[in-house]
N, C-alpha and C. Protein backbone atom coordinates (compact mmCIF):
# COMPACT_ATOMS: atom_id res chain seq x y z
N MET A 1 -27.11 14.30 30.61
CA MET A 1 -25.91 14.20 30.06
C MET A 1 -25.10 15.28 30.23
N SER A 2 -23.60 15.14 31.13
CA SER A 2 -23.22 16.22 31.65
C SER A 2 -22.69 16.90 30.16
N ARG A 3 -21.73 18.29 30.05
CA ARG A 3 -21.55 19.18 28.84
C ARG A 3 -20.19 18.15 28.45
N LEU A 4 -19.97 18.82 26.99
CA LEU A 4 -18.87 17.87 26.47
C LEU A 4 -17.73 18.74 27.08
N PRO A 5 -16.81 18.13 27.29
CA PRO A 5 -15.63 18.85 27.60
C PRO A 5 -15.00 19.42 26.46
N LYS A 6 -14.18 19.97 26.67
CA LYS A 6 -13.75 21.20 25.62
C LYS A 6 -12.01 21.18 25.55
N PRO A 7 -11.44 20.43 24.90
CA PRO A 7 -10.26 20.20 24.49
C PRO A 7 -9.52 21.52 24.55
N ASP A 8 -8.26 21.45 24.33
CA ASP A 8 -7.08 22.73 24.46
C ASP A 8 -7.24 22.95 23.06
N SER A 9 -7.05 24.56 22.82
CA SER A 9 -7.07 24.65 21.37
C SER A 9 -5.46 24.16 20.77
N ASP A 10 -4.65 23.78 21.62
CA ASP A 10 -2.81 23.88 21.26
C ASP A 10 -2.67 22.20 21.45
N ALA A 11 -3.58 21.72 21.73
CA ALA A 11 -3.55 19.84 21.91
C ALA A 11 -4.48 19.33 20.74
N ASP A 12 -3.91 17.55 20.89
CA ASP A 12 -4.26 17.19 19.91
C ASP A 12 -5.06 16.14 20.39
N LEU A 13 -6.13 15.09 20.22
CA LEU A 13 -6.97 14.58 20.45
C LEU A 13 -6.04 12.81 20.22
N ILE A 14 -6.07 12.10 21.12
CA ILE A 14 -5.83 10.74 20.50
C ILE A 14 -7.10 9.90 20.54
N TYR A 15 -7.16 8.42 20.42
CA TYR A 15 -8.26 7.39 21.15
C TYR A 15 -7.69 6.11 20.78
N GLY A 16 -8.94 5.64 21.71
CA GLY A 16 -8.08 3.79 21.73
C GLY A 16 -7.32 3.97 22.59
N ARG A 17 -7.63 2.94 23.58
CA ARG A 17 -6.63 1.80 24.55
C ARG A 17 -5.07 1.63 24.05
N ARG A 18 -4.79 1.11 23.14
CA ARG A 18 -3.52 1.06 23.06
C ARG A 18 -2.66 2.35 22.83
N PRO A 19 -3.15 3.21 21.85
CA PRO A 19 -2.47 4.43 21.22
C PRO A 19 -2.48 5.53 22.51
N VAL A 20 -3.31 5.11 23.39
CA VAL A 20 -3.32 5.86 24.89
C VAL A 20 -2.20 5.75 25.49
N ALA A 21 -2.18 3.93 25.67
CA ALA A 21 -1.45 3.29 26.61
C ALA A 21 -0.03 3.65 25.89
N GLU A 22 0.46 3.59 25.05
CA GLU A 22 1.81 4.18 24.21
C GLU A 22 2.06 5.68 24.30
N ALA A 23 1.00 5.95 24.30
CA ALA A 23 0.92 8.08 24.51
C ALA A 23 1.72 8.53 26.04
N GLU A 24 1.24 7.24 26.96
CA GLU A 24 1.53 7.35 28.48
C GLU A 24 2.84 7.49 28.48
N ARG A 25 3.33 5.82 27.92
CA ARG A 25 5.13 6.10 27.94
C ARG A 25 5.93 6.28 26.75
N GLY A 26 5.29 7.17 25.94
CA GLY A 26 6.14 7.93 24.90
C GLY A 26 6.67 9.35 25.88
N ARG A 27 6.98 9.81 24.24
CA ARG A 27 7.41 11.72 24.46
C ARG A 27 6.73 12.69 24.99
N ARG A 28 5.26 12.44 24.47
CA ARG A 28 5.02 14.02 24.72
C ARG A 28 3.74 13.76 26.13
N THR A 29 3.75 14.69 26.72
CA THR A 29 2.70 14.67 27.47
C THR A 29 1.49 14.41 27.57
N VAL A 30 0.87 13.67 28.49
CA VAL A 30 -0.64 13.73 28.14
C VAL A 30 -1.63 14.43 29.31
N ARG A 31 -2.21 15.30 28.54
CA ARG A 31 -2.68 16.25 29.56
C ARG A 31 -3.75 15.79 30.16
N ARG A 32 -5.00 15.11 29.84
CA ARG A 32 -6.02 14.36 30.39
C ARG A 32 -6.83 13.53 29.68
N ILE A 33 -7.59 12.75 30.39
CA ILE A 33 -8.01 11.22 29.79
C ILE A 33 -9.11 11.16 30.12
N TRP A 34 -10.03 10.77 28.79
CA TRP A 34 -11.73 10.94 29.41
C TRP A 34 -11.87 9.19 29.28
N ARG A 35 -12.97 8.53 29.88
CA ARG A 35 -12.64 7.28 29.63
C ARG A 35 -14.16 7.26 29.98
N ALA A 36 -14.79 5.83 29.51
CA ALA A 36 -16.34 4.99 29.88
C ALA A 36 -15.85 4.48 31.04
N PRO A 37 -16.92 4.21 31.99
CA PRO A 37 -18.38 5.04 31.77
C PRO A 37 -18.46 6.54 32.48
N GLU A 38 -17.42 6.84 32.85
CA GLU A 38 -17.68 8.19 33.13
C GLU A 38 -17.76 8.90 32.78
N THR A 39 -17.25 9.24 31.45
CA THR A 39 -17.51 10.20 29.90
C THR A 39 -18.55 8.87 29.06
N PRO A 40 -19.96 9.57 28.54
CA PRO A 40 -20.71 8.65 27.84
C PRO A 40 -20.15 8.60 26.73
N PRO A 41 -20.25 6.82 25.99
CA PRO A 41 -19.71 7.30 24.60
C PRO A 41 -20.05 7.50 23.59
N GLU A 42 -20.99 8.31 23.67
CA GLU A 42 -21.82 8.90 22.74
C GLU A 42 -20.56 10.33 22.31
N GLN A 43 -20.38 10.58 23.80
CA GLN A 43 -19.31 11.71 24.25
C GLN A 43 -17.52 11.70 23.39
N LEU A 44 -17.54 10.75 23.90
CA LEU A 44 -16.19 10.10 23.45
C LEU A 44 -16.05 10.00 22.00
N ALA A 45 -16.90 9.23 21.78
CA ALA A 45 -17.20 9.38 19.67
C ALA A 45 -17.05 10.63 19.34
N GLU A 46 -17.92 11.91 20.04
CA GLU A 46 -17.93 13.32 19.23
C GLU A 46 -16.47 13.66 19.32
N LEU A 47 -16.10 13.55 20.97
CA LEU A 47 -14.49 14.08 21.14
C LEU A 47 -13.62 13.52 20.18
N ALA A 48 -13.73 12.31 20.11
CA ALA A 48 -12.64 11.67 18.88
C ALA A 48 -12.89 11.66 17.42
N GLY A 49 -14.39 12.20 17.62
CA GLY A 49 -14.61 12.25 15.68
C GLY A 49 -14.39 11.03 14.75
N SER A 50 -14.39 9.81 15.93
CA SER A 50 -14.91 8.64 15.36
C SER A 50 -15.18 7.29 16.32
N PRO A 51 -15.80 6.39 15.77
CA PRO A 51 -16.67 5.22 16.80
C PRO A 51 -15.98 4.75 17.31
N ASP A 52 -14.47 4.27 16.81
CA ASP A 52 -13.53 3.49 17.33
C ASP A 52 -12.45 3.92 18.50
N HIS A 53 -13.27 4.41 19.54
CA HIS A 53 -12.52 5.08 20.91
C HIS A 53 -12.01 3.81 21.33
N GLN A 54 -13.11 2.71 21.66
CA GLN A 54 -12.63 1.48 22.73
C GLN A 54 -12.70 2.25 24.15
N GLY A 55 -13.64 3.52 24.02
CA GLY A 55 -13.46 3.55 25.43
C GLY A 55 -13.13 4.91 26.17
N VAL A 56 -12.09 5.27 25.36
CA VAL A 56 -10.56 5.88 25.63
C VAL A 56 -10.30 6.85 25.09
N VAL A 57 -10.03 8.45 25.51
CA VAL A 57 -9.81 9.50 24.48
C VAL A 57 -8.65 10.38 25.45
N ALA A 58 -8.05 10.59 24.57
CA ALA A 58 -6.53 11.75 25.56
C ALA A 58 -6.55 12.77 24.79
N GLU A 59 -6.53 14.16 25.78
CA GLU A 59 -5.69 15.11 25.14
C GLU A 59 -3.98 15.02 25.36
N VAL A 60 -3.53 15.38 24.05
CA VAL A 60 -1.82 15.33 24.66
C VAL A 60 -1.50 16.59 23.79
N ASP A 61 -0.10 16.72 23.65
CA ASP A 61 0.90 17.53 23.56
C ASP A 61 0.17 17.49 21.33
N PRO A 62 1.20 18.55 21.04
CA PRO A 62 1.33 18.25 19.63
C PRO A 62 2.09 17.15 19.26
N TYR A 63 2.15 16.61 17.73
CA TYR A 63 2.88 15.20 17.89
C TYR A 63 4.41 16.06 17.53
N PRO A 64 5.28 15.60 18.08
CA PRO A 64 6.53 15.77 17.98
C PRO A 64 7.63 15.39 17.04
N TYR A 65 7.51 15.88 15.62
CA TYR A 65 7.98 15.49 14.49
C TYR A 65 9.55 15.83 14.57
N SER A 66 10.14 14.74 13.86
CA SER A 66 11.47 15.12 14.03
C SER A 66 12.20 15.59 13.00
N GLY A 67 13.09 16.16 13.00
CA GLY A 67 13.85 16.85 12.11
C GLY A 67 14.50 16.19 10.72
N GLY A 68 14.26 16.13 9.51
CA GLY A 68 14.57 15.32 8.71
C GLY A 68 16.44 14.56 8.69
N GLU A 69 17.00 16.07 9.36
CA GLU A 69 18.84 15.92 9.33
C GLU A 69 19.11 14.81 10.34
N SER A 70 18.39 14.85 11.12
CA SER A 70 18.57 13.66 12.28
C SER A 70 18.62 12.18 12.21
N LEU A 71 18.03 12.22 11.10
CA LEU A 71 17.46 10.51 10.09
C LEU A 71 19.19 10.17 10.01
N LEU A 72 19.50 11.31 9.40
CA LEU A 72 21.09 10.97 8.79
C LEU A 72 21.89 10.61 9.39
N ALA A 73 21.96 11.01 10.29
CA ALA A 73 23.48 11.15 11.28
C ALA A 73 23.16 9.52 12.05
N ALA A 74 22.30 9.08 12.12
CA ALA A 74 22.43 7.53 12.98
C ALA A 74 23.43 6.67 12.12
N PRO A 75 24.03 6.02 12.68
CA PRO A 75 24.99 4.66 12.09
C PRO A 75 24.24 3.59 11.39
N ASP A 76 24.31 3.21 10.68
CA ASP A 76 23.40 1.99 9.90
C ASP A 76 22.26 2.52 9.66
N ALA A 77 21.65 3.80 9.34
CA ALA A 77 20.49 4.39 9.33
C ALA A 77 19.19 3.30 8.19
N LEU A 78 18.15 2.92 8.57
CA LEU A 78 16.96 2.56 7.84
C LEU A 78 15.89 2.98 7.85
N VAL A 79 15.55 4.10 6.95
CA VAL A 79 14.70 4.86 6.96
C VAL A 79 13.61 4.26 5.91
N VAL A 80 11.95 4.46 6.09
CA VAL A 80 11.36 4.36 5.38
C VAL A 80 10.78 5.92 4.57
N VAL A 81 10.75 5.68 3.68
CA VAL A 81 10.04 6.93 3.38
C VAL A 81 9.34 7.48 1.93
N LEU A 82 8.53 7.96 2.36
CA LEU A 82 6.98 7.96 1.41
C LEU A 82 6.78 9.03 0.97
N ASP A 83 6.04 8.35 -0.89
CA ASP A 83 6.11 9.88 -1.94
C ASP A 83 4.98 9.85 -1.62
N GLN A 84 4.51 10.92 -0.35
CA GLN A 84 2.77 11.54 -1.05
C GLN A 84 1.56 9.91 -0.49
N VAL A 85 1.95 9.32 0.58
CA VAL A 85 1.01 8.47 0.65
C VAL A 85 -0.11 8.95 1.62
N GLN A 86 -1.27 9.05 1.28
CA GLN A 86 -2.36 9.88 1.71
C GLN A 86 -3.23 9.18 2.40
N ASP A 87 -3.47 8.11 2.69
CA ASP A 87 -4.48 7.00 3.39
C ASP A 87 -3.62 6.96 4.74
N PRO A 88 -4.72 7.59 5.70
CA PRO A 88 -3.91 7.66 7.69
C PRO A 88 -3.68 5.85 7.84
N HIS A 89 -4.54 5.28 7.38
CA HIS A 89 -4.20 4.23 7.79
C HIS A 89 -3.13 2.56 7.15
N ASN A 90 -3.04 3.47 6.01
CA ASN A 90 -1.48 3.23 5.25
C ASN A 90 -0.23 3.40 5.99
N LEU A 91 -0.51 4.97 6.02
CA LEU A 91 1.00 5.49 7.09
C LEU A 91 0.85 4.98 8.58
N GLY A 92 -0.45 4.92 9.53
CA GLY A 92 -0.42 4.09 10.68
C GLY A 92 0.09 2.63 10.47
N ALA A 93 0.08 2.51 9.40
CA ALA A 93 0.93 0.53 9.15
C ALA A 93 1.92 0.43 9.18
N VAL A 94 2.47 1.56 7.98
CA VAL A 94 3.80 1.45 7.75
C VAL A 94 4.91 1.70 8.94
N CYS A 95 4.21 2.77 10.00
CA CYS A 95 4.78 3.42 11.13
C CYS A 95 4.95 2.12 12.07
N ARG A 96 3.72 1.43 12.33
CA ARG A 96 4.08 0.00 12.97
C ARG A 96 4.86 -0.65 12.74
N SER A 97 5.00 -1.05 11.27
CA SER A 97 5.89 -2.03 10.89
C SER A 97 7.69 -1.51 11.15
N ALA A 98 7.71 -0.09 10.95
CA ALA A 98 8.79 0.60 11.06
C ALA A 98 9.19 0.45 12.43
N GLU A 99 8.67 0.51 13.06
CA GLU A 99 8.79 0.96 14.76
C GLU A 99 9.66 -0.69 14.85
N VAL A 100 8.33 -1.26 14.80
CA VAL A 100 9.12 -2.90 15.10
C VAL A 100 10.20 -3.38 15.02
N ALA A 101 10.09 -3.31 13.33
CA ALA A 101 11.63 -3.38 13.09
C ALA A 101 12.56 -2.82 13.14
N GLY A 102 12.49 -1.76 14.08
CA GLY A 102 13.76 -1.10 14.50
C GLY A 102 14.50 0.07 13.88
N ALA A 103 13.71 0.73 12.77
CA ALA A 103 13.87 1.50 11.79
C ALA A 103 14.53 2.74 12.38
N THR A 104 15.10 3.59 11.58
CA THR A 104 15.79 4.91 12.66
C THR A 104 14.41 5.96 12.41
N GLY A 105 13.52 5.39 11.27
CA GLY A 105 12.77 6.48 11.48
C GLY A 105 11.84 6.64 9.45
N VAL A 106 10.92 7.22 9.43
CA VAL A 106 9.68 7.59 8.74
C VAL A 106 9.82 9.10 7.78
N VAL A 107 10.40 9.05 6.86
CA VAL A 107 10.07 10.62 6.31
C VAL A 107 8.95 10.59 4.99
N ILE A 108 8.41 11.88 5.22
CA ILE A 108 6.72 12.26 4.94
C ILE A 108 6.85 13.28 4.58
N PRO A 109 6.30 13.79 3.66
CA PRO A 109 6.32 15.24 2.58
C PRO A 109 5.28 16.27 3.44
N GLU A 110 5.51 17.41 3.58
CA GLU A 110 5.00 17.79 4.21
C GLU A 110 3.66 18.26 3.74
N ARG A 111 3.39 18.45 2.11
CA ARG A 111 2.01 18.64 1.50
C ARG A 111 1.65 17.24 1.02
N ARG A 112 0.71 17.44 0.44
CA ARG A 112 -0.10 16.38 0.01
C ARG A 112 0.23 15.11 0.15
N ALA A 113 -0.13 14.72 1.49
CA ALA A 113 0.39 13.46 2.07
C ALA A 113 -0.35 13.62 3.52
N ALA A 114 -0.70 12.31 3.97
CA ALA A 114 -1.41 12.25 5.52
C ALA A 114 -0.16 12.27 6.47
N GLY A 115 -0.61 13.58 7.60
CA GLY A 115 0.01 13.36 8.38
C GLY A 115 0.00 12.63 9.69
N VAL A 116 0.88 12.94 10.78
CA VAL A 116 0.28 12.07 11.89
C VAL A 116 -0.55 12.36 12.77
N THR A 117 -2.09 11.58 12.30
CA THR A 117 -2.96 12.26 12.95
C THR A 117 -3.82 11.15 14.04
N ALA A 118 -5.00 11.35 14.85
CA ALA A 118 -5.17 10.31 15.97
C ALA A 118 -5.57 9.25 14.90
N ALA A 119 -6.09 8.91 13.77
CA ALA A 119 -6.31 8.01 13.00
C ALA A 119 -5.19 6.91 12.81
N VAL A 120 -3.78 8.02 12.31
CA VAL A 120 -2.56 7.36 11.80
C VAL A 120 -2.34 6.92 13.57
N CYS A 121 -2.50 7.36 15.11
CA CYS A 121 -1.78 6.93 16.00
C CYS A 121 -2.60 5.56 16.07
N LYS A 122 -4.04 5.14 15.91
CA LYS A 122 -5.12 4.09 16.08
C LYS A 122 -4.39 3.12 14.60
N ALA A 123 -4.02 3.56 13.77
CA ALA A 123 -3.69 2.37 13.12
C ALA A 123 -2.11 2.02 13.24
N SER A 124 -1.35 2.82 13.66
CA SER A 124 -0.33 2.54 14.06
C SER A 124 0.13 1.58 15.48
N ALA A 125 -1.18 1.31 16.27
CA ALA A 125 -1.14 0.62 17.29
C ALA A 125 -0.05 1.35 18.43
N GLY A 126 -0.01 2.90 18.53
CA GLY A 126 0.46 3.93 18.91
C GLY A 126 2.05 3.72 19.07
N ALA A 127 2.62 3.15 17.33
CA ALA A 127 3.63 3.26 17.55
C ALA A 127 4.52 4.18 17.27
N VAL A 128 3.43 5.51 16.44
CA VAL A 128 4.26 6.59 16.06
C VAL A 128 4.61 7.20 17.67
N GLU A 129 4.46 7.14 18.66
CA GLU A 129 4.59 7.51 20.07
C GLU A 129 5.91 7.07 20.16
N HIS A 130 6.78 5.79 19.53
CA HIS A 130 8.22 5.76 19.92
C HIS A 130 9.06 5.83 18.86
N LEU A 131 8.37 6.38 17.46
CA LEU A 131 9.19 6.57 15.96
C LEU A 131 9.22 7.74 15.55
N ASN A 132 10.41 8.12 15.22
CA ASN A 132 10.93 9.12 14.55
C ASN A 132 10.27 9.28 13.02
N VAL A 133 9.31 10.30 13.28
CA VAL A 133 8.77 10.66 11.63
C VAL A 133 8.92 11.78 11.56
N SER A 134 9.45 12.16 10.23
CA SER A 134 10.01 13.40 9.79
C SER A 134 9.34 13.77 8.59
N ARG A 135 8.55 15.59 8.60
CA ARG A 135 8.30 15.92 7.85
C ARG A 135 9.05 16.92 6.69
N VAL A 136 9.33 16.43 5.55
CA VAL A 136 10.28 17.41 5.06
C VAL A 136 9.58 18.13 3.69
N ARG A 137 10.45 19.31 3.14
CA ARG A 137 9.75 19.91 2.29
C ARG A 137 9.41 19.76 1.14
N ASN A 138 10.80 18.41 0.62
CA ASN A 138 10.61 18.03 -0.68
C ASN A 138 11.48 16.82 -0.83
N ILE A 139 10.85 16.05 -0.73
CA ILE A 139 11.37 14.50 -0.82
C ILE A 139 12.76 14.28 -1.64
N ALA A 140 12.48 14.56 -2.94
CA ALA A 140 13.78 14.08 -3.96
C ALA A 140 14.96 15.27 -3.22
N ASP A 141 14.62 16.48 -2.47
CA ASP A 141 15.82 16.83 -1.87
C ASP A 141 16.50 16.20 -0.37
N TRP A 142 15.52 15.82 0.24
CA TRP A 142 16.35 15.24 1.65
C TRP A 142 17.18 13.73 0.64
N LEU A 143 16.13 13.20 -0.44
CA LEU A 143 16.79 11.84 -0.70
C LEU A 143 18.16 12.41 -1.42
N GLU A 144 18.74 13.66 -1.71
CA GLU A 144 19.92 13.91 -2.43
C GLU A 144 20.82 14.13 -0.95
N SER A 145 20.12 14.60 -0.19
CA SER A 145 21.34 14.98 1.12
C SER A 145 21.37 13.75 1.68
N ALA A 146 20.42 12.53 1.45
CA ALA A 146 20.78 10.98 2.00
C ALA A 146 21.84 10.77 1.46
N LYS A 147 21.71 10.58 0.27
CA LYS A 147 22.88 10.04 -0.77
C LYS A 147 24.06 10.61 -0.87
N ALA A 148 24.63 12.06 -0.24
CA ALA A 148 25.23 12.63 0.16
C ALA A 148 26.23 12.54 1.43
N THR A 149 25.48 11.83 2.27
CA THR A 149 25.62 11.33 3.39
C THR A 149 26.48 9.75 3.15
N GLY A 150 26.11 9.15 2.51
CA GLY A 150 26.30 7.91 2.43
C GLY A 150 25.42 6.69 2.54
N PHE A 151 23.68 7.43 2.22
CA PHE A 151 22.77 6.05 1.86
C PHE A 151 22.85 5.69 0.84
N TRP A 152 22.23 4.48 0.64
CA TRP A 152 22.13 3.95 -0.80
C TRP A 152 20.53 4.04 -1.11
N VAL A 153 19.51 4.66 -1.90
CA VAL A 153 18.38 4.79 -1.71
C VAL A 153 17.90 3.92 -3.04
N TRP A 154 16.45 3.07 -2.40
CA TRP A 154 16.33 2.15 -3.02
C TRP A 154 14.60 2.39 -3.16
N GLY A 155 14.00 2.38 -4.64
CA GLY A 155 12.64 2.75 -4.73
C GLY A 155 12.06 1.54 -4.80
N ALA A 156 10.66 1.54 -4.61
CA ALA A 156 10.05 0.19 -4.65
C ALA A 156 9.10 0.59 -6.03
N ASP A 157 9.61 -0.44 -7.00
CA ASP A 157 8.76 -0.22 -8.10
C ASP A 157 8.29 -2.04 -8.44
N GLY A 158 6.97 -2.41 -8.84
CA GLY A 158 6.85 -3.63 -9.24
C GLY A 158 7.47 -4.28 -10.43
N ALA A 159 7.73 -3.33 -11.62
CA ALA A 159 8.41 -3.47 -12.59
C ALA A 159 9.80 -3.65 -12.36
N ALA A 160 10.23 -3.36 -11.03
CA ALA A 160 11.63 -4.02 -11.01
C ALA A 160 11.89 -5.12 -10.98
N GLU A 161 13.68 -5.55 -11.57
CA GLU A 161 14.09 -6.84 -11.96
C GLU A 161 14.78 -7.45 -10.45
N SER A 162 14.95 -6.76 -9.78
CA SER A 162 15.94 -6.83 -8.49
C SER A 162 14.95 -7.31 -7.58
N ALA A 163 15.02 -8.45 -6.53
CA ALA A 163 14.19 -9.31 -5.80
C ALA A 163 14.79 -8.20 -4.22
N PRO A 164 14.30 -8.12 -3.11
CA PRO A 164 15.01 -7.23 -2.28
C PRO A 164 15.88 -8.01 -1.18
N TRP A 165 16.09 -9.64 -1.78
CA TRP A 165 17.44 -10.45 -1.25
C TRP A 165 18.61 -10.28 -1.70
N GLU A 166 18.35 -10.06 -3.45
CA GLU A 166 19.44 -9.65 -4.48
C GLU A 166 20.18 -8.62 -3.62
N ILE A 167 19.78 -7.66 -3.22
CA ILE A 167 20.49 -6.36 -3.33
C ILE A 167 21.04 -6.04 -1.84
N ASP A 168 21.81 -5.14 -1.61
CA ASP A 168 22.68 -5.24 0.03
C ASP A 168 21.55 -4.27 0.66
N LEU A 169 20.97 -4.35 1.81
CA LEU A 169 20.05 -3.55 2.69
C LEU A 169 20.81 -2.99 4.08
N THR A 170 22.39 -3.47 4.17
CA THR A 170 22.63 -3.37 4.96
C THR A 170 23.53 -1.52 5.10
N GLY A 171 23.82 -1.32 6.37
CA GLY A 171 24.35 0.17 5.98
C GLY A 171 23.36 1.27 5.96
N PRO A 172 23.44 2.64 5.82
CA PRO A 172 22.59 3.13 5.41
C PRO A 172 21.43 3.41 4.62
N THR A 173 20.36 3.19 4.29
CA THR A 173 19.63 2.58 3.56
C THR A 173 18.03 3.07 3.41
N ALA A 174 17.92 3.99 2.51
CA ALA A 174 16.44 4.44 2.38
C ALA A 174 15.59 3.74 1.80
N LEU A 175 14.08 3.46 2.00
CA LEU A 175 13.32 2.16 1.40
C LEU A 175 12.51 3.25 1.11
N VAL A 176 12.12 3.56 -0.31
CA VAL A 176 11.01 4.48 -1.10
C VAL A 176 9.81 3.94 -1.35
N MET A 177 9.07 4.47 -0.74
CA MET A 177 7.45 3.90 -1.06
C MET A 177 6.74 4.80 -1.91
N GLY A 178 5.83 4.60 -3.15
CA GLY A 178 5.08 5.23 -3.90
C GLY A 178 3.68 5.49 -2.83
N ALA A 179 2.87 6.64 -4.16
CA ALA A 179 1.98 6.87 -3.35
C ALA A 179 0.95 5.36 -3.81
N GLU A 180 -0.45 5.36 -3.23
CA GLU A 180 -1.45 4.49 -3.61
C GLU A 180 -1.82 5.08 -5.06
N GLY A 181 -1.73 3.66 -5.89
CA GLY A 181 -1.87 3.52 -7.22
C GLY A 181 -1.24 4.51 -8.08
N LYS A 182 -0.48 5.09 -7.75
CA LYS A 182 0.50 6.35 -8.43
C LYS A 182 1.95 5.73 -8.33
N GLY A 183 2.49 5.61 -7.24
CA GLY A 183 3.89 4.71 -7.75
C GLY A 183 4.87 6.29 -7.27
N LEU A 184 5.88 6.24 -7.50
CA LEU A 184 7.02 7.04 -6.91
C LEU A 184 6.98 8.39 -8.13
N ARG A 185 7.02 9.63 -7.86
CA ARG A 185 6.87 10.55 -8.87
C ARG A 185 7.87 10.39 -9.55
N PRO A 186 8.20 10.76 -10.91
CA PRO A 186 9.41 10.94 -11.77
C PRO A 186 10.92 11.05 -11.08
N ARG A 187 10.66 12.64 -10.34
CA ARG A 187 11.69 12.84 -9.81
C ARG A 187 12.45 12.30 -9.13
N VAL A 188 11.34 11.42 -7.82
CA VAL A 188 11.52 11.05 -6.63
C VAL A 188 12.02 9.53 -7.15
N ALA A 189 11.64 9.11 -8.42
CA ALA A 189 12.23 7.75 -8.91
C ALA A 189 13.57 8.26 -9.11
N SER A 190 13.77 9.60 -10.10
CA SER A 190 15.59 9.38 -10.46
C SER A 190 15.84 9.76 -9.91
N THR A 191 15.73 9.79 -8.50
CA THR A 191 16.91 10.35 -7.41
C THR A 191 17.83 8.85 -6.73
N CYS A 192 16.40 7.90 -7.14
CA CYS A 192 16.87 6.37 -6.46
C CYS A 192 18.31 5.80 -6.91
N ASP A 193 19.31 5.07 -6.40
CA ASP A 193 19.94 4.15 -6.40
C ASP A 193 19.70 3.40 -7.87
N GLY A 194 18.77 2.69 -7.52
CA GLY A 194 17.72 1.21 -7.99
C GLY A 194 16.73 0.78 -7.82
N MET A 195 15.87 0.09 -8.20
CA MET A 195 14.46 -0.02 -7.94
C MET A 195 14.82 -1.53 -7.76
N VAL A 196 13.67 -1.63 -6.77
CA VAL A 196 13.51 -3.23 -6.17
C VAL A 196 12.04 -3.93 -6.12
N ALA A 197 11.44 -4.79 -6.81
CA ALA A 197 10.05 -5.22 -6.61
C ALA A 197 10.29 -6.98 -5.89
N ILE A 198 8.87 -6.95 -5.03
CA ILE A 198 8.71 -8.26 -4.32
C ILE A 198 7.95 -9.14 -5.10
N PRO A 199 8.26 -10.10 -5.65
CA PRO A 199 8.03 -10.56 -6.22
C PRO A 199 6.52 -11.57 -6.27
N GLN A 200 6.06 -11.64 -7.48
CA GLN A 200 4.84 -11.75 -6.93
C GLN A 200 3.93 -12.98 -7.88
N ARG A 201 3.26 -13.92 -7.05
CA ARG A 201 2.56 -14.83 -8.29
C ARG A 201 1.08 -15.08 -8.42
N GLY A 202 0.44 -14.02 -7.67
CA GLY A 202 -0.73 -14.44 -7.94
C GLY A 202 -1.41 -13.60 -9.11
N GLU A 203 -2.37 -12.97 -9.56
CA GLU A 203 -3.45 -11.89 -10.57
C GLU A 203 -3.67 -10.62 -9.88
N VAL A 204 -3.41 -10.28 -8.72
CA VAL A 204 -3.78 -9.18 -8.24
C VAL A 204 -2.53 -8.13 -8.57
N GLY A 205 -2.85 -6.49 -8.91
CA GLY A 205 -1.51 -6.39 -9.65
C GLY A 205 -0.31 -5.44 -8.89
N SER A 206 -0.85 -5.16 -7.81
CA SER A 206 0.36 -4.78 -7.05
C SER A 206 -0.03 -5.23 -4.94
N LEU A 207 0.46 -4.99 -4.37
CA LEU A 207 0.58 -5.11 -3.35
C LEU A 207 0.11 -3.65 -2.25
N ASN A 208 -0.69 -3.57 -1.16
CA ASN A 208 -0.57 -2.66 -0.50
C ASN A 208 0.72 -1.54 -0.11
N VAL A 209 1.01 -0.69 0.25
CA VAL A 209 2.13 0.02 0.15
C VAL A 209 2.22 -0.45 1.89
N SER A 210 1.92 -0.86 2.77
CA SER A 210 2.04 -0.80 4.37
C SER A 210 2.52 -2.20 4.43
N VAL A 211 2.07 -3.28 3.37
CA VAL A 211 2.66 -4.19 3.05
C VAL A 211 3.89 -4.81 2.88
N ALA A 212 4.10 -3.89 1.55
CA ALA A 212 4.83 -4.21 0.60
C ALA A 212 6.80 -3.41 1.78
N ALA A 213 6.00 -1.99 1.99
CA ALA A 213 7.03 -1.35 3.12
C ALA A 213 7.69 -2.48 4.20
N SER A 214 6.46 -3.58 5.13
CA SER A 214 6.82 -4.12 6.02
C SER A 214 7.71 -5.29 5.53
N LEU A 215 7.27 -5.76 4.12
CA LEU A 215 8.01 -6.67 3.69
C LEU A 215 9.82 -6.27 3.54
N LEU A 216 9.77 -5.19 2.86
CA LEU A 216 11.34 -4.72 2.50
C LEU A 216 12.00 -4.11 3.97
N LEU A 217 11.18 -3.91 4.92
CA LEU A 217 12.03 -3.66 6.45
C LEU A 217 12.53 -4.54 6.68
N PHE A 218 11.82 -5.85 6.84
CA PHE A 218 12.10 -7.16 7.61
C PHE A 218 13.09 -7.88 7.05
N GLU A 219 13.11 -7.59 5.93
CA GLU A 219 14.30 -8.15 4.91
C GLU A 219 15.54 -7.76 5.18
N ALA A 220 15.88 -6.38 5.46
CA ALA A 220 16.57 -5.81 5.63
C ALA A 220 16.75 -5.82 7.34
N VAL A 221 16.20 -6.31 8.09
CA VAL A 221 16.42 -6.46 8.87
C VAL A 221 17.03 -7.90 9.12
N ARG A 222 16.80 -9.10 8.29
CA ARG A 222 17.06 -10.45 7.89
C ARG A 222 18.63 -9.96 7.85
N GLN A 223 19.28 -9.18 7.05
CA GLN A 223 20.34 -9.11 6.34
C GLN A 223 21.40 -8.62 6.97
N ARG A 224 20.73 -7.75 8.16
CA ARG A 224 21.71 -6.99 9.29
C ARG A 224 21.72 -8.11 10.34
N SER A 225 20.86 -9.06 10.25
CA SER A 225 21.23 -9.72 11.97
C SER A 225 22.33 -10.99 11.57
């Protein structure tokens, strides 16, 4: 077996056919790609840190996070704000829905939350390569800034009385989703203009955060169409 290639220390590695293809179409430079069968599958798995590489691993520039302020300037902005969501698969799924829905971007905190990793790229099917993702120091402070520029801020809470189609999701809007199993932190919740709940008829206590975010996003899209 040939020697395992050594990635550059200042680069990211991503894996999977769709994530690599989207990176080639996206904003960051793809430095080199390893593919099966030229590179054995076991080496690809070692490079990727996952068996889910689908026969391709790429070395790319570090992920280009957007500035939080840039999302505030877009006309009729639609932003998803994630309050300490830690599961990379949930972050990836939210980013995929946000990109497909044409959202302005996704805001995540710098600490105690998933960032854009190879696993997130894979879960998003490469959508993060075309989406503005901002890391901010303090979610509540960012929301206050958003409100000062004319945003309406709606938090997701299963106990809320308003359904998504009963509120106005046109104009600059931030949809705030809480962490898995914890919901919104008190200060973040208090910053919201109001709370919204997706009506449920079953016995399960709540929806997955990525599913809930998708439903809210596409209700906003419906209202704006």
